[in-house]
Structures are given as C-alpha cells and as structure tokens.
C-alpha cells in the first residue's frame, strides 16, 4: 500500500510549489496591469488639465480679447468718446486680458520650441498694434482740437492701420495667434482621444484579475482534494481582497472615464463655443464700425462675457480634476496586491509545511 501511494504523495509538494508560483505570478500581473492602467489614465488627465487644455484656451481667449479690443477702439472713435477717454476702458481691459492669456501660454511653451518663438513674434506684433492705436488716439485728439469742423480723419487712418495689423490674414496678429492655437488644438484632441481614456481597457485589467482569482480558486480546490480542507482562511481572504481591489479599480476607472468623457464631449466644446461665439460677434461689430462713417446702432457692447466663459471653464476644470483623481489607488494597489500575495503564499505554505511535518 505505501508503495502504491508514494508516487501520489511525492507529487504533492511539487504541486503546492507550482500553485505558490501561479498565485504569486497572478498577483504580480494584477499589480502591473492595475498600476499601468491607473497611472496612464491619471497622467493623461493631468496632461490635459495642466497643459494641453490651458494652452489652447489661453490662445482662444487672447484672440477673442484682441478682437474685442479692436471693436472697443472703433466704438470709442465712432461715438466721439475718444476725444475724452481715448480707445476707452474696455479696450484697456481687453488688452490686459489678452496679455495675461499670452503670458500664461508662454509659461506652458517649452523654451526654444516653435510655439515659444511664435510667441515672441506675437509679442512684437502686439506692441506694434498698441503703438498704432496710441498714434490714432493722439492724431484724433489733435485733429478734433483744430475745430468743430474737423472729423479726426488722421486718427481714423491710424486706427485703420492698427486694425489691418491686427486682422491681416497674411501675417496679422490674430492670424499669428490662430497659427499658435492650431498645434495646441491638435495636441489637445490627440490627448482627449488617448487609448488610456478608453473604458475598453478595463478588459485588459479583467484578464489578470480573473487569472489571479483562478489561481487562488485552483489552490483552494487542490487543498480541498488533497488535504480535505473545506476552506483555507488565508486563501479566502486573498480572494476577497482580489475581488475588492478589482471592484475598486473598475469603479474608479469608470468614474474617471466618465469625467474625462464629460470634459471631452460637453465641457470643452461649451467653453470653446462661448469664446468663438463672442469672437465672431466682436469681429462682426468691428467690421460694421470700420465700414460705417457714423456710429453704428447695435454695435455698442460691454465687451466679452467673462462670467459665462469663466463658469464654463470652471466646469471643464472640475471634470478634468475628477478624471485625474486617484481615489487612493496609487497606495491601495501595491498594498492590496502584497497582501493578496502574502495570504496566498501563507495559505499554501501552511499545507506544504504540514505535509513535510
């Protein structure tokens, strides 16, 4: 009888060792997959929130502000307010907002990059535009001071030069900003379409999670068959932790993906749509004021709707912040994986030690 059972008994330690290797390999694969998925999604969201989205939106805001500055200057001149206030307070506010947006954009561009060099060109063009508007203001005031019959034609001529420098489609200030915004928009679209923001990747996580659980289940089945142990407490705890980690990972990833999708499909189009609509309105009003020798009804404006764009921008930032939220996973993943591996090893080691004893 002993001779008949020796081959079976001799295979038990080897089987236990293979099961230990299988459980440990499964948990390592689970850790690598979970870490890669979580960190890649977080890194994509951080990149969009920290650089890609602000760069594009700053360029869009700068263009809108400068377009409205041109409208405001023309409105001031056409209404006659320029003889008292020059281009006007709204013009100054728009220039300040545009300058601040360009400064933020410059901080995001790597030194020596094409974007950085283009920003230097834009800065020079902005100085040129401001100088022409100042000349227009000085000439207009001087012309008006000559007498009631003066129409300030020299001032309007300089203001026309300023608008041309701003709006020339072949190298004007706005065209330069558009050329700067183009690559930023492409970079943003590329990151928003990143594979790491696709919920389909959860399938890639499900495979190692199922393999880890299958390894634990196979170990439990082996212990029940060879050692008549209905349940191994360490293996049961390891299985529960693996299920908990998997559920946590799935819920956190789906939450981040939903926030990322909301930013991509709703919040970002809304804020860019608001800027573009206001830019279009400013362009149209400025064109009407340039073309008409008198004050054009309906073109007076309080400027850009900063409250609306700020609210939309805050909604976008909130979505991206939710997408990059880790929910404690960077710490939980390695801790739980180590616990799963330790419990799986301990549960099998007990039986291996028992058999040897």
Foldseek 3Di string as FASTA:
>chain_A
DCVVCVVVLVCVLVVLVVLLVLLLVLLVLLLVLLVVLLVVLLVLLCCLLPALVLLLVLLLLLLLLQLLLLLQQLLCLQVVVLLPAQSDPSNVVSLVSNVVSLVVNCVRDDPPDPLNVLSVVLVVLSVVLVVLSVVLSVQQNVQVVVDVPGSSVVSLVSSVVSVCQQPVCVNHNSVSSVVSSVVSVVVSVVSLPDPSLDLVCLVVSVVSLVSSLVSLVVVCVVCCVPVVDNDQVLSVVLNVLSVVLSVVSNVLSVQLSVLSVCLVPPLSCQLSVLSVVSSVLSNVLSVVSSVDSHNDPPSDDPGRPPVRNVVSVVSSSVSSVSNSDSVPVVPSSVVSSVSSSVSSSVSSVVVSVVSVD
